């Protein structure tokens, strides 16, 4: 007789007593994946208090070698502690690996702001002797702290 959908028992709708948690679970899984991907990218291996600079960040096509000098003057090459005696050989190995590449190996030099300039110049001299001449000195933007 009627044209619309039929309703049971006098036309009343019963309230739904269940909460649909599927959208909540979907959102939480997406957030979990985002945090799992971004968390390792935010971490740097050696904690260093970098100096401030007004220069803008550089865009890099391939992963550079990172050389860090901590406040005690210890040198790290990509998170590996390297003694002063081992540094020239390690830099020579890096230079030989990138010898056939069309673009020279980019090196990021990170030095603590409390470090004496002499130590930074020693490391830069070793980089130059190894043939790694594309060096960028890393700093933080003014007003920004890690």
Protein backbone atom coordinates (compact mmCIF):
# COMPACT_ATOMS: atom_id res chain seq x y z
CA UNK A 1 0.00 0.00 0.00
CA UNK A 2 2.61 2.54 0.98
CA UNK A 3 5.23 3.79 -1.41
CA UNK A 4 8.18 4.46 0.97
CA UNK A 5 10.34 2.13 3.03
CA UNK A 6 8.51 0.21 5.69
CA UNK A 7 9.12 0.92 9.31
CA UNK A 8 8.63 -1.60 12.01
CA UNK A 9 6.20 -1.29 14.93
CA UNK A 10 4.40 1.94 14.57
CA UNK A 11 7.03 3.91 12.63
CA UNK A 12 9.58 4.34 15.43
CA UNK A 13 13.29 3.99 14.86
CA UNK A 14 15.35 2.28 17.51
CA UNK A 15 18.54 4.10 18.56
CA UNK A 16 21.83 2.55 17.46
CA UNK A 17 23.74 1.38 20.53
CA UNK A 18 27.09 0.65 18.81
CA UNK A 19 29.87 3.11 17.93
CA UNK A 20 31.59 2.60 14.60
CA UNK A 21 35.35 2.64 15.42
CA UNK A 22 36.60 1.78 11.92
CA UNK A 23 37.25 5.43 10.86
CA UNK A 24 39.05 6.08 14.15
CA UNK A 25 41.29 3.05 13.65
CA UNK A 26 42.04 4.12 10.06
CA UNK A 27 43.08 7.61 11.16
CA UNK A 28 45.23 6.25 13.99
CA UNK A 29 47.03 3.82 11.65
CA UNK A 30 47.79 6.61 9.17
CA UNK A 31 49.16 8.80 11.97
CA UNK A 32 51.25 5.91 13.27
CA UNK A 33 52.79 5.35 9.83
CA UNK A 34 53.55 9.07 9.44
CA UNK A 35 55.29 9.21 12.82
CA UNK A 36 57.23 6.01 12.13
CA UNK A 37 58.58 7.50 8.89
CA UNK A 38 59.37 11.01 10.13
CA UNK A 39 60.85 10.21 13.57
CA UNK A 40 64.17 8.76 12.28
CA UNK A 41 64.55 11.71 9.88
CA UNK A 42 64.40 14.19 12.76
CA UNK A 43 67.23 12.54 14.68
CA UNK A 44 70.88 13.41 14.06
CA UNK A 45 73.62 11.12 15.26
CA UNK A 46 75.99 13.42 17.16
CA UNK A 47 74.52 16.18 19.37
CA UNK A 48 76.23 19.45 18.42
CA UNK A 49 75.38 23.05 19.32
CA UNK A 50 75.53 24.64 15.83
CA UNK A 51 76.17 28.37 15.22
CA UNK A 52 73.47 30.64 13.76
CA UNK A 53 73.40 31.86 10.15
CA UNK A 54 71.10 33.89 7.92
CA UNK A 55 71.86 31.69 4.90
CA UNK A 56 69.09 29.58 3.38
CA UNK A 57 69.13 25.77 3.27
CA UNK A 58 70.62 24.01 0.24
CA UNK A 59 68.73 21.43 -1.82
CA UNK A 60 70.78 18.28 -2.42
CA UNK A 61 70.10 15.60 -5.06
CA UNK A 62 72.11 12.81 -3.34
CA UNK A 63 73.02 12.00 0.24
CA UNK A 64 76.11 13.93 1.37
CA UNK A 65 78.81 12.71 3.75
CA UNK A 66 78.40 14.29 7.18
CA UNK A 67 81.48 15.11 9.23
CA UNK A 68 80.76 16.24 12.79
CA UNK A 69 83.12 17.65 15.39
CA UNK A 70 81.75 17.55 18.94
CA UNK A 71 82.68 19.98 21.75
CA UNK A 72 85.53 17.70 22.87
CA UNK A 73 87.12 17.85 19.39
CA UNK A 74 86.28 14.27 18.44
CA UNK A 75 85.58 13.77 14.73
CA UNK A 76 82.68 11.65 13.46
CA UNK A 77 82.21 10.58 9.84
CA UNK A 78 78.54 9.64 9.31
CA UNK A 79 78.02 8.86 13.05
CA UNK A 80 81.23 6.76 13.29
CA UNK A 81 83.93 8.03 15.66
CA UNK A 82 87.21 8.44 13.76
CA UNK A 83 90.57 9.19 15.36
CA UNK A 84 92.83 11.93 14.00
CA UNK A 85 95.20 9.27 12.65
CA UNK A 86 92.42 7.39 10.80
CA UNK A 87 90.76 10.51 9.34
CA UNK A 88 92.98 10.97 6.23
CA UNK A 89 92.53 7.33 5.17
CA UNK A 90 88.76 7.47 5.74
CA UNK A 91 88.45 10.66 3.68
CA UNK A 92 90.63 9.17 0.94
CA UNK A 93 88.29 6.16 0.77
CA UNK A 94 85.26 8.45 0.43
CA UNK A 95 87.00 10.42 -2.33
CA UNK A 96 87.89 7.23 -4.23
CA UNK A 97 84.31 5.94 -4.04
CA UNK A 98 82.95 9.12 -5.59
CA UNK A 99 85.75 9.49 -8.18
CA UNK A 100 83.69 8.16 -11.11
CA UNK A 101 80.56 10.16 -10.30
CA UNK A 102 79.63 13.07 -12.61
CA UNK A 103 79.19 15.33 -9.60
CA UNK A 104 81.77 15.56 -6.76
CA UNK A 105 80.85 14.17 -3.34
CA UNK A 106 79.12 16.77 -1.16
CA UNK A 107 80.45 17.00 2.41
CA UNK A 108 78.52 18.61 5.27
CA UNK A 109 80.83 19.85 8.03
CA UNK A 110 79.11 20.26 11.39
CA UNK A 111 81.21 21.78 14.19
CA UNK A 112 80.15 22.79 17.69
CA UNK A 113 80.09 26.56 18.26
CA UNK A 114 82.35 26.28 21.33
CA UNK A 115 85.08 24.51 19.35
CA UNK A 116 88.35 26.26 18.52
CA UNK A 117 88.68 27.31 14.88
CA UNK A 118 92.02 25.48 14.62
CA UNK A 119 90.34 22.05 14.87
CA UNK A 120 87.84 22.94 12.14
CA UNK A 121 90.67 24.12 9.87
CA UNK A 122 92.60 20.86 10.46
CA UNK A 123 89.60 18.82 9.33
CA UNK A 124 89.04 21.12 6.33
CA UNK A 125 92.72 20.73 5.41
CA UNK A 126 92.35 16.92 5.46
CA UNK A 127 89.23 17.21 3.29
CA UNK A 128 91.14 19.35 0.80
CA UNK A 129 94.10 16.96 0.74
CA UNK A 130 91.74 14.02 0.03
CA UNK A 131 90.24 15.94 -2.91
CA UNK A 132 86.85 16.56 -1.32
CA UNK A 133 86.42 20.23 -2.20
CA UNK A 134 82.61 20.54 -2.21
CA UNK A 135 82.19 21.37 1.49
CA UNK A 136 79.18 22.99 3.15
CA UNK A 137 79.45 24.23 6.73
CA UNK A 138 76.17 23.50 8.54
CA UNK A 139 74.56 26.06 10.85
CA UNK A 140 71.09 26.67 12.28
CA UNK A 141 68.86 29.55 11.26
CA UNK A 142 68.90 32.55 13.58
CA UNK A 143 66.40 32.06 16.36
CA UNK A 144 66.05 28.32 15.66
CA UNK A 145 67.40 25.78 18.13
CA UNK A 146 67.68 22.00 17.84
